[in-house]
C-alpha atoms as a PDB file:
ATOM      1  CA  MET A   1      -6.821  12.784  -7.079  1.00  0.00           C
ATOM      2  CA  LYS A   2      -5.049  10.549  -9.615  1.00  0.00           C
ATOM      3  CA  ASP A   3      -6.389   8.328 -12.439  1.00  0.00           C
ATOM      4  CA  GLY A   4      -9.444   7.853  -9.746  1.00  0.00           C
ATOM      5  CA  LEU A   5      -7.082   6.994  -6.930  1.00  0.00           C
ATOM      6  CA  ASP A   6      -7.768   9.187  -3.875  1.00  0.00           C
ATOM      7  CA  VAL A   7      -4.395   8.618  -1.994  1.00  0.00           C
ATOM      8  CA  TYR A   8      -5.094  11.559   0.445  1.00  0.00           C
ATOM      9  CA  ASP A   9      -8.530   9.963   1.524  1.00  0.00           C
ATOM     10  CA  ILE A  10      -6.862   6.553   2.278  1.00  0.00           C
ATOM     11  CA  TYR A  11      -4.077   8.432   4.293  1.00  0.00           C
ATOM     12  CA  SER A  12      -6.738  10.467   6.247  1.00  0.00           C
ATOM     13  CA  ARG A  13      -8.670   7.411   7.144  1.00  0.00           C
ATOM     14  CA  ILE A  14      -5.528   6.057   8.888  1.00  0.00           C
ATOM     15  CA  ARG A  15      -5.599   9.323  11.046  1.00  0.00           C
ATOM     16  CA  LYS A  16      -9.106   8.731  11.805  1.00  0.00           C
ATOM     17  CA  GLU A  17      -9.382   5.309  12.485  1.00  0.00           C
ATOM     18  CA  LYS A  18      -5.917   4.880  14.161  1.00  0.00           C
ATOM     19  CA  PRO A  19      -5.401   1.139  13.319  1.00  0.00           C
ATOM     20  CA  VAL A  20      -3.481  -1.287  15.376  1.00  0.00           C
ATOM     21  CA  VAL A  21      -0.575  -2.487  13.221  1.00  0.00           C
ATOM     22  CA  HIS A  22       0.745  -5.728  14.701  1.00  0.00           C
ATOM     23  CA  HIS A  23       4.601  -6.227  13.892  1.00  0.00           C
ATOM     24  CA  ILE A  24       6.644  -9.318  14.034  1.00  0.00           C
ATOM     25  CA  THR A  25       9.576  -7.817  12.314  1.00  0.00           C
ATOM     26  CA  ASN A  26      13.507  -7.010  11.791  1.00  0.00           C
ATOM     27  CA  TRP A  27      15.208  -6.163  15.062  1.00  0.00           C
ATOM     28  CA  VAL A  28      17.472  -3.781  13.308  1.00  0.00           C
ATOM     29  CA  THR A  29      14.742  -1.570  12.156  1.00  0.00           C
ATOM     30  CA  ILE A  30      12.059  -2.251  14.656  1.00  0.00           C
ATOM     31  CA  TYR A  31      12.135   1.295  16.302  1.00  0.00           C
ATOM     32  CA  ASP A  32      11.734   3.103  12.864  1.00  0.00           C
ATOM     33  CA  CYS A  33       8.934   0.614  11.844  1.00  0.00           C
ATOM     34  CA  ALA A  34       7.033   1.703  14.805  1.00  0.00           C
ATOM     35  CA  ASN A  35       7.677   5.603  14.459  1.00  0.00           C
ATOM     36  CA  VAL A  36       6.798   5.586  10.790  1.00  0.00           C
ATOM     37  CA  VAL A  37       3.469   4.076  11.528  1.00  0.00           C
ATOM     38  CA  LYS A  38       3.060   6.540  14.414  1.00  0.00           C
ATOM     39  CA  ALA A  39       3.818   9.388  12.201  1.00  0.00           C
ATOM     40  CA  ILE A  40       0.912   8.646   9.979  1.00  0.00           C
ATOM     41  CA  GLY A  41      -1.253   8.084  12.671  1.00  0.00           C
ATOM     42  CA  GLY A  42      -1.618   4.551  13.169  1.00  0.00           C
ATOM     43  CA  SER A  43      -0.853   2.306  16.295  1.00  0.00           C
ATOM     44  CA  PRO A  44       2.124   0.047  16.147  1.00  0.00           C
ATOM     45  CA  ILE A  45       2.626  -3.001  18.506  1.00  0.00           C
ATOM     46  CA  MET A  46       5.838  -4.625  18.352  1.00  0.00           C
ATOM     47  CA  ALA A  47       4.986  -7.991  19.854  1.00  0.00           C
ATOM     48  CA  HIS A  48       7.004 -11.226  19.113  1.00  0.00           C
ATOM     49  CA  ALA A  49       6.447 -13.679  22.100  1.00  0.00           C
ATOM     50  CA  VAL A  50       4.686 -16.762  21.326  1.00  0.00           C
ATOM     51  CA  GLU A  51       2.825 -16.848  24.384  1.00  0.00           C
ATOM     52  CA  GLU A  52       0.723 -13.835  23.703  1.00  0.00           C
ATOM     53  CA  VAL A  53       0.823 -13.362  19.588  1.00  0.00           C
ATOM     54  CA  GLU A  54      -2.634 -14.718  19.375  1.00  0.00           C
ATOM     55  CA  ASP A  55      -4.139 -12.216  21.639  1.00  0.00           C
ATOM     56  CA  ILE A  56      -2.206  -9.196  20.130  1.00  0.00           C
ATOM     57  CA  VAL A  57      -3.548 -10.302  16.512  1.00  0.00           C
ATOM     58  CA  SER A  58      -6.911 -10.361  18.017  1.00  0.00           C
ATOM     59  CA  ILE A  59      -6.877  -6.478  18.660  1.00  0.00           C
ATOM     60  CA  ALA A  60      -5.120  -5.671  15.569  1.00  0.00           C
ATOM     61  CA  SER A  61      -6.398  -4.323  12.273  1.00  0.00           C
ATOM     62  CA  CYS A  62      -3.204  -5.502  10.386  1.00  0.00           C
ATOM     63  CA  LEU A  63      -0.424  -8.030  10.660  1.00  0.00           C
ATOM     64  CA  VAL A  64       3.028  -7.050   9.292  1.00  0.00           C
ATOM     65  CA  LEU A  65       5.655  -9.843   9.179  1.00  0.00           C
ATOM     66  CA  ASN A  66       9.313  -9.166   8.144  1.00  0.00           C
ATOM     67  CA  ILE A  67      12.077 -12.078   8.204  1.00  0.00           C
ATOM     68  CA  GLY A  68      15.005  -9.558   8.135  1.00  0.00           C
ATOM     69  CA  THR A  69      16.394 -10.773  11.300  1.00  0.00           C
ATOM     70  CA  LEU A  70      15.330 -14.419  10.910  1.00  0.00           C
ATOM     71  CA  THR A  71      15.133 -17.258  13.510  1.00  0.00           C
ATOM     72  CA  VAL A  72      13.569 -20.418  13.391  1.00  0.00           C
ATOM     73  CA  ASP A  73      11.542 -19.914  16.771  1.00  0.00           C
ATOM     74  CA  VAL A  74      10.385 -16.322  15.438  1.00  0.00           C
ATOM     75  CA  VAL A  75       9.120 -17.801  12.020  1.00  0.00           C
ATOM     76  CA  GLU A  76       7.136 -20.421  14.230  1.00  0.00           C
ATOM     77  CA  THR A  77       5.604 -17.439  15.879  1.00  0.00           C
ATOM     78  CA  MET A  78       4.863 -15.856  12.677  1.00  0.00           C
ATOM     79  CA  LYS A  79       3.018 -18.786  11.291  1.00  0.00           C
ATOM     80  CA  ILE A  80       0.833 -18.872  14.528  1.00  0.00           C
ATOM     81  CA  ALA A  81       0.131 -15.058  14.190  1.00  0.00           C
ATOM     82  CA  ALA A  82      -0.768 -15.477  10.195  1.00  0.00           C
ATOM     83  CA  LYS A  83      -3.144 -18.106  10.897  1.00  0.00           C
ATOM     84  CA  MET A  84      -4.982 -16.035  13.506  1.00  0.00           C
ATOM     85  CA  ALA A  85      -4.927 -13.101  11.308  1.00  0.00           C
ATOM     86  CA  ASN A  86      -6.474 -15.237   8.533  1.00  0.00           C
ATOM     87  CA  LEU A  87      -9.271 -16.262  10.834  1.00  0.00           C
ATOM     88  CA  ARG A  88     -10.048 -12.777  11.835  1.00  0.00           C
ATOM     89  CA  LYS A  89      -9.706 -11.765   8.020  1.00  0.00           C
ATOM     90  CA  ILE A  90      -7.306  -8.882   8.969  1.00  0.00           C
ATOM     91  CA  PRO A  91      -4.552  -8.170   6.163  1.00  0.00           C
ATOM     92  CA  VAL A  92      -1.175  -9.884   6.467  1.00  0.00           C
ATOM     93  CA  VAL A  93       1.953  -8.174   4.815  1.00  0.00           C
ATOM     94  CA  LEU A  94       4.990 -10.396   4.334  1.00  0.00           C
ATOM     95  CA  ASP A  95       8.312  -8.528   3.638  1.00  0.00           C
ATOM     96  CA  ILE A  96      10.679 -11.176   2.290  1.00  0.00           C
ATOM     97  CA  CYS A  97      13.781  -9.547   3.453  1.00  0.00           C
ATOM     98  CA  GLY A  98      17.026 -11.225   2.270  1.00  0.00           C
ATOM     99  CA  VAL A  99      15.263 -14.073   0.326  1.00  0.00           C
ATOM    100  CA  GLY A 100      17.798 -15.190  -2.076  1.00  0.00           C
ATOM    101  CA  ALA A 101      20.803 -14.970   0.563  1.00  0.00           C
ATOM    102  CA  SER A 102      20.402 -18.227   2.218  1.00  0.00           C
ATOM    103  CA  ARG A 103      18.645 -21.535   1.705  1.00  0.00           C
ATOM    104  CA  LEU A 104      17.218 -21.350   5.105  1.00  0.00           C
ATOM    105  CA  ARG A 105      15.525 -17.831   4.447  1.00  0.00           C
ATOM    106  CA  ASN A 106      14.215 -18.842   1.328  1.00  0.00           C
ATOM    107  CA  ARG A 107      12.537 -22.044   2.878  1.00  0.00           C
ATOM    108  CA  LYS A 108      11.036 -20.289   5.833  1.00  0.00           C
ATOM    109  CA  ALA A 109       9.646 -17.492   3.490  1.00  0.00           C
ATOM    110  CA  TYR A 110       8.090 -20.195   1.463  1.00  0.00           C
ATOM    111  CA  GLU A 111       6.541 -21.982   4.459  1.00  0.00           C
ATOM    112  CA  ILE A 112       5.012 -18.854   5.814  1.00  0.00           C
ATOM    113  CA  SER A 113       3.205 -18.240   2.544  1.00  0.00           C
ATOM    114  CA  GLU A 114       2.467 -21.927   2.160  1.00  0.00           C
ATOM    115  CA  ILE A 115       0.927 -22.303   5.677  1.00  0.00           C
ATOM    116  CA  SER A 116      -1.234 -19.058   5.609  1.00  0.00           C
ATOM    117  CA  TYR A 117      -2.531 -16.719   3.137  1.00  0.00           C
ATOM    118  CA  ILE A 118      -0.408 -13.383   2.676  1.00  0.00           C
ATOM    119  CA  ASP A 119      -2.409 -10.655   1.106  1.00  0.00           C
ATOM    120  CA  ILE A 120       0.666  -8.695   0.279  1.00  0.00           C
ATOM    121  CA  ILE A 121       4.191  -9.910  -0.411  1.00  0.00           C
ATOM    122  CA  LYS A 122       6.860  -7.128  -0.588  1.00  0.00           C
ATOM    123  CA  GLY A 123      10.647  -7.198  -1.514  1.00  0.00           C
ATOM    124  CA  ASN A 124      13.041  -5.626  -3.675  1.00  0.00           C
ATOM    125  CA  ALA A 125      13.831  -6.910  -7.387  1.00  0.00           C
ATOM    126  CA  SER A 126      16.261  -9.762  -6.485  1.00  0.00           C
ATOM    127  CA  GLU A 127      14.151 -10.942  -3.223  1.00  0.00           C
ATOM    128  CA  VAL A 128      10.941 -11.156  -5.322  1.00  0.00           C
ATOM    129  CA  ALA A 129      12.551 -12.724  -8.165  1.00  0.00           C
ATOM    130  CA  SER A 130      14.298 -15.327  -6.280  1.00  0.00           C
ATOM    131  CA  PHE A 131      10.977 -15.929  -4.247  1.00  0.00           C
ATOM    132  CA  ALA A 132       9.328 -16.469  -7.757  1.00  0.00           C
ATOM    133  CA  GLY A 133      11.808 -19.050  -8.479  1.00  0.00           C
ATOM    134  CA  GLU A 134      14.055 -17.117 -10.635  1.00  0.00           C
ATOM    135  CA  ASN A 135      17.741 -18.052 -10.429  1.00  0.00           C
ATOM    136  CA  VAL A 136      18.686 -14.860  -8.797  1.00  0.00           C
ATOM    137  CA  PHE A 137      20.843 -14.150  -5.753  1.00  0.00           C
ATOM    138  CA  THR A 138      20.434 -11.447  -3.012  1.00  0.00           C
ATOM    139  CA  LYS A 139      23.343  -9.401  -1.565  1.00  0.00           C
ATOM    140  CA  GLY A 140      22.599  -9.567   2.031  1.00  0.00           C
ATOM    141  CA  VAL A 141      19.426  -7.511   2.116  1.00  0.00           C
ATOM    142  CA  ASP A 142      20.292  -5.181  -0.506  1.00  0.00           C
ATOM    143  CA  SER A 143      18.807  -5.775  -4.094  1.00  0.00           C
ATOM    144  CA  THR A 144      21.108  -7.011  -6.830  1.00  0.00           C
ATOM    145  CA  GLU A 145      20.606  -6.194 -10.324  1.00  0.00           C
ATOM    146  CA  VAL A 146      17.995  -8.294 -12.027  1.00  0.00           C
ATOM    147  CA  ASN A 147      17.724  -8.523 -15.878  1.00  0.00           C
ATOM    148  CA  LEU A 148      14.336  -9.725 -15.993  1.00  0.00           C
ATOM    149  CA  ASP A 149      10.889  -8.553 -16.700  1.00  0.00           C
ATOM    150  CA  LEU A 150      10.027  -7.352 -13.150  1.00  0.00           C
ATOM    151  CA  VAL A 151       6.562  -6.502 -14.002  1.00  0.00           C
ATOM    152  CA  GLU A 152       5.837  -9.771 -15.363  1.00  0.00           C
ATOM    153  CA  ILE A 153       7.482 -11.519 -12.189  1.00  0.00           C
ATOM    154  CA  ALA A 154       5.282  -9.494  -9.930  1.00  0.00           C
ATOM    155  CA  SER A 155       2.228 -10.148 -12.115  1.00  0.00           C
ATOM    156  CA  SER A 156       2.806 -13.940 -12.474  1.00  0.00           C
ATOM    157  CA  LEU A 157       3.495 -14.281  -8.674  1.00  0.00           C
ATOM    158  CA  ALA A 158       0.519 -12.292  -7.661  1.00  0.00           C
ATOM    159  CA  LYS A 159      -1.826 -14.625 -10.053  1.00  0.00           C
ATOM    160  CA  ARG A 160      -0.247 -17.781  -8.804  1.00  0.00           C
ATOM    161  CA  LYS A 161      -0.711 -16.518  -5.176  1.00  0.00           C
ATOM    162  CA  HIS A 162      -3.868 -14.750  -5.650  1.00  0.00           C
ATOM    163  CA  ASN A 163      -2.687 -11.612  -3.718  1.00  0.00           C
ATOM    164  CA  THR A 164      -0.461  -8.484  -4.197  1.00  0.00           C
ATOM    165  CA  VAL A 165       2.939  -8.264  -4.994  1.00  0.00           C
ATOM    166  CA  VAL A 166       4.981  -5.330  -4.496  1.00  0.00           C
ATOM    167  CA  ILE A 167       8.637  -4.858  -5.852  1.00  0.00           C
ATOM    168  CA  THR A 168      10.478  -1.714  -4.483  1.00  0.00           C
ATOM    169  CA  GLY A 169      13.181   0.125  -6.271  1.00  0.00           C
ATOM    170  CA  LYS A 170      13.771   3.160  -8.070  1.00  0.00           C
ATOM    171  CA  ASN A 171      10.326   2.651  -9.463  1.00  0.00           C
ATOM    172  CA  ASP A 172       8.240   0.676  -7.421  1.00  0.00           C
ATOM    173  CA  ILE A 173       5.773  -2.111  -9.046  1.00  0.00           C
ATOM    174  CA  VAL A 174       2.401  -3.166  -7.500  1.00  0.00           C
ATOM    175  CA  SER A 175       0.480  -5.850  -9.000  1.00  0.00           C
ATOM    176  CA  ASP A 176      -2.587  -8.115  -8.059  1.00  0.00           C
ATOM    177  CA  GLY A 177      -2.276 -10.132 -11.255  1.00  0.00           C
ATOM    178  CA  ASN A 178      -4.772  -8.193 -13.040  1.00  0.00           C
ATOM    179  CA  ASN A 179      -3.872  -4.679 -12.622  1.00  0.00           C
ATOM    180  CA  THR A 180      -0.278  -3.434 -12.442  1.00  0.00           C
ATOM    181  CA  PHE A 181       0.635  -0.047 -11.121  1.00  0.00           C
ATOM    182  CA  ILE A 182       4.178   1.812 -11.324  1.00  0.00           C
ATOM    183  CA  VAL A 183       4.965   4.389  -8.342  1.00  0.00           C
ATOM    184  CA  LYS A 184       7.591   6.642  -9.670  1.00  0.00           C
ATOM    185  CA  ASN A 185       8.028   8.681  -6.368  1.00  0.00           C
ATOM    186  CA  GLY A 186      11.002   8.696  -4.219  1.00  0.00           C
ATOM    187  CA  HIS A 187      14.412   9.841  -3.585  1.00  0.00           C
ATOM    188  CA  GLN A 188      17.899   8.182  -3.974  1.00  0.00           C
ATOM    189  CA  LEU A 189      18.660   9.188  -0.333  1.00  0.00           C
ATOM    190  CA  LEU A 190      16.382   6.399   0.848  1.00  0.00           C
ATOM    191  CA  THR A 191      18.975   3.838  -0.163  1.00  0.00           C
ATOM    192  CA  HIS A 192      21.534   5.425   2.066  1.00  0.00           C
ATOM    193  CA  VAL A 193      19.421   5.141   5.358  1.00  0.00           C
ATOM    194  CA  VAL A 194      19.270   1.480   6.711  1.00  0.00           C
ATOM    195  CA  GLY A 195      15.686   0.313   7.143  1.00  0.00           C
ATOM    196  CA  THR A 196      13.624   2.503   4.704  1.00  0.00           C
ATOM    197  CA  GLY A 197      12.299  -0.887   2.875  1.00  0.00           C
ATOM    198  CA  CYS A 198      11.249  -2.129   6.170  1.00  0.00           C
ATOM    199  CA  MET A 199       9.633   1.152   6.895  1.00  0.00           C
ATOM    200  CA  ALA A 200       7.813   1.077   3.495  1.00  0.00           C
ATOM    201  CA  THR A 201       6.447  -2.300   4.552  1.00  0.00           C
ATOM    202  CA  SER A 202       5.156  -0.971   7.750  1.00  0.00           C
ATOM    203  CA  VAL A 203       3.371   2.132   5.998  1.00  0.00           C
ATOM    204  CA  ILE A 204       1.880  -0.457   3.627  1.00  0.00           C
ATOM    205  CA  GLY A 205       0.451  -2.239   6.523  1.00  0.00           C
ATOM    206  CA  ALA A 206      -1.143   0.687   8.024  1.00  0.00           C
ATOM    207  CA  PHE A 207      -2.858   1.756   4.576  1.00  0.00           C
ATOM    208  CA  ALA A 208      -3.938  -2.076   4.126  1.00  0.00           C
ATOM    209  CA  ALA A 209      -5.429  -2.089   7.688  1.00  0.00           C
ATOM    210  CA  VAL A 210      -7.976   0.734   6.257  1.00  0.00           C
ATOM    211  CA  GLU A 211      -8.331   0.005   2.687  1.00  0.00           C
ATOM    212  CA  LYS A 212      -9.713  -3.383   1.682  1.00  0.00           C
ATOM    213  CA  ASN A 213      -8.101  -3.136  -1.985  1.00  0.00           C
ATOM    214  CA  ARG A 214      -4.674  -4.331  -1.096  1.00  0.00           C
ATOM    215  CA  SER A 215      -3.111  -3.001  -4.477  1.00  0.00           C
ATOM    216  CA  ILE A 216      -4.560   0.255  -4.046  1.00  0.00           C
ATOM    217  CA  ALA A 217      -3.538   0.364  -0.487  1.00  0.00           C
ATOM    218  CA  SER A 218       0.161  -0.519  -1.525  1.00  0.00           C
ATOM    219  CA  VAL A 219       0.224   2.028  -4.283  1.00  0.00           C
ATOM    220  CA  ALA A 220      -1.371   4.979  -1.811  1.00  0.00           C
ATOM    221  CA  ALA A 221       1.287   3.710   0.742  1.00  0.00           C
ATOM    222  CA  LEU A 222       4.179   3.932  -1.450  1.00  0.00           C
ATOM    223  CA  ALA A 223       3.239   7.211  -3.135  1.00  0.00           C
ATOM    224  CA  CYS A 224       2.963   8.777   0.291  1.00  0.00           C
ATOM    225  CA  PHE A 225       6.371   7.391   1.195  1.00  0.00           C
ATOM    226  CA  GLY A 226       7.982   8.280  -1.778  1.00  0.00           C
ATOM    227  CA  ILE A 227       6.380  11.890  -1.716  1.00  0.00           C
ATOM    228  CA  ALA A 228       7.681  12.423   1.935  1.00  0.00           C
ATOM    229  CA  SER A 229      11.113  11.329   0.765  1.00  0.00           C
ATOM    230  CA  GLU A 230      11.319  13.684  -1.913  1.00  0.00           C
ATOM    231  CA  ILE A 231      10.312  16.796   0.407  1.00  0.00           C
ATOM    232  CA  ALA A 232      12.836  15.682   3.067  1.00  0.00           C
ATOM    233  CA  ALA A 233      15.745  15.687   0.572  1.00  0.00           C
ATOM    234  CA  GLU A 234      15.059  19.162  -0.413  1.00  0.00           C
ATOM    235  CA  GLU A 235      18.394  21.211   0.896  1.00  0.00           C
ATOM    236  CA  VAL A 236      19.608  18.525   3.307  1.00  0.00           C
ATOM    237  CA  SER A 237      23.349  17.746   3.888  1.00  0.00           C
ATOM    238  CA  GLY A 238      23.061  13.933   4.166  1.00  0.00           C
ATOM    239  CA  PRO A 239      21.186  10.914   5.507  1.00  0.00           C
ATOM    240  CA  ALA A 240      20.984  11.663   9.087  1.00  0.00           C
ATOM    241  CA  GLU A 241      19.365  15.058   8.340  1.00  0.00           C
ATOM    242  CA  PHE A 242      17.142  13.402   5.732  1.00  0.00           C
ATOM    243  CA  LYS A 243      15.731  10.570   7.888  1.00  0.00           C
ATOM    244  CA  THR A 244      14.590  13.380  10.709  1.00  0.00           C
ATOM    245  CA  ARG A 245      12.935  15.260   7.970  1.00  0.00           C
ATOM    246  CA  PHE A 246      11.512  12.132   6.267  1.00  0.00           C
ATOM    247  CA  PHE A 247       9.355  11.480   9.378  1.00  0.00           C
ATOM    248  CA  ASP A 248       8.364  15.224   9.644  1.00  0.00           C
ATOM    249  CA  ALA A 249       7.402  15.339   5.960  1.00  0.00           C
ATOM    250  CA  LEU A 250       5.300  11.991   6.149  1.00  0.00           C
ATOM    251  CA  TYR A 251       3.351  13.620   9.135  1.00  0.00           C
ATOM    252  CA  ASN A 252       2.706  16.794   7.417  1.00  0.00           C
ATOM    253  CA  LEU A 253       1.438  15.331   3.877  1.00  0.00           C
ATOM    254  CA  ASP A 254      -1.913  16.973   2.905  1.00  0.00           C
ATOM    255  CA  ARG A 255      -4.113  16.758  -0.085  1.00  0.00           C
ATOM    256  CA  ASN A 256      -2.653  19.549  -2.115  1.00  0.00           C
ATOM    257  CA  LEU A 257       0.969  18.137  -1.647  1.00  0.00           C
ATOM    258  CA  ILE A 258       0.042  14.726  -2.676  1.00  0.00           C
ATOM    259  CA  ASN A 259      -2.081  15.779  -5.579  1.00  0.00           C
ATOM    260  CA  GLN A 260       0.979  18.072  -6.811  1.00  0.00           C
ATOM    261  CA  LYS A 261       3.466  15.448  -6.586  1.00  0.00           C
ATOM    262  CA  ILE A 262       2.106  11.900  -7.221  1.00  0.00           C
ATOM    263  CA  LYS A 263       3.607   9.916 -10.143  1.00  0.00           C
ATOM    264  CA  VAL A 264       1.635   6.648 -10.581  1.00  0.00           C
ATOM    265  CA  GLU A 265       1.209   4.859 -13.975  1.00  0.00           C
ATOM    266  CA  THR A 266      -1.409   2.380 -14.573  1.00  0.00           C
ATOM    267  CA  LEU A 267      -0.315  -0.462 -17.043  1.00  0.00           C
END
C-alpha cells in the first residue's frame, strides 16, 4: 500500500480475471507485447484483420492501439475497433508511437483520437508534446529532449481530451487533468531493449481492463513495470540477459516486493 494505492490488488485481479487484451499494434514488438501481457496473467489477442476486428473486440476487456508500424489500412482497422470498444464501454489505450516524426503519423493519430474516445493516451515526452500541439520533433520512435513543463502538458491534454495521459521517461507522468502522479520506478537498461515502451502500453492495457480508474490503472502498471526492471537489472551483463530476467521478474512480483520498492508521488 502506498498513499492509498494498492498496486498488488490490481495486479492480482489480472491473475484472477485473465482479461482478454486485444492488440492492433506494432509489428516490430508484437511478440514481446503478447508475452508481457501473458506474464502478468492476461490473455493477449493480436488481431489486425478488418474482417474480424469487431468480433474480437466483442470478446475483449481492453483494446490497445499502437501506431509504431503505421499503415493507412491498419489505421482504418483501428478506427473500427475503437468505435466498437466505445460501444462496449471497454477501455481504449492509444500508444502514439513516433508522433512528431512525420505528417502522416501526426494526422492519423489525431484522426483516431477524434473519431473515437481514447481512455488513455500514452507516449514519450516528444511524442506527447507534439501531439499536444507543441513545436517538437521526434527522432523516429525515440524521445528527443523536451525543454517544456511535461506535467503541465500532460495535465492540459488530459483536460482537453477528458481522459488520462501518460508520458513515459526516466520518471513517468500520469495525469487525468485533476490528479497527477509521478512514477519513479524503472532502470536505464529499459532504454537498451527495443519495444519496452510498447510493452509498457500493453501492461497499462491489462491493468485498465480490471481497474475502472484509468489513471490509477496506469500508475499501478508503470510501477510494476518499473519495479520488475529494477529487479531484472541486478547482476546482469547486458540487455539480452536483462530482457529475459525482466519477464521473470514481472511474473514473480508479490505484495512485499511491490510495497518495498514502489516509488510514486502525487502532485
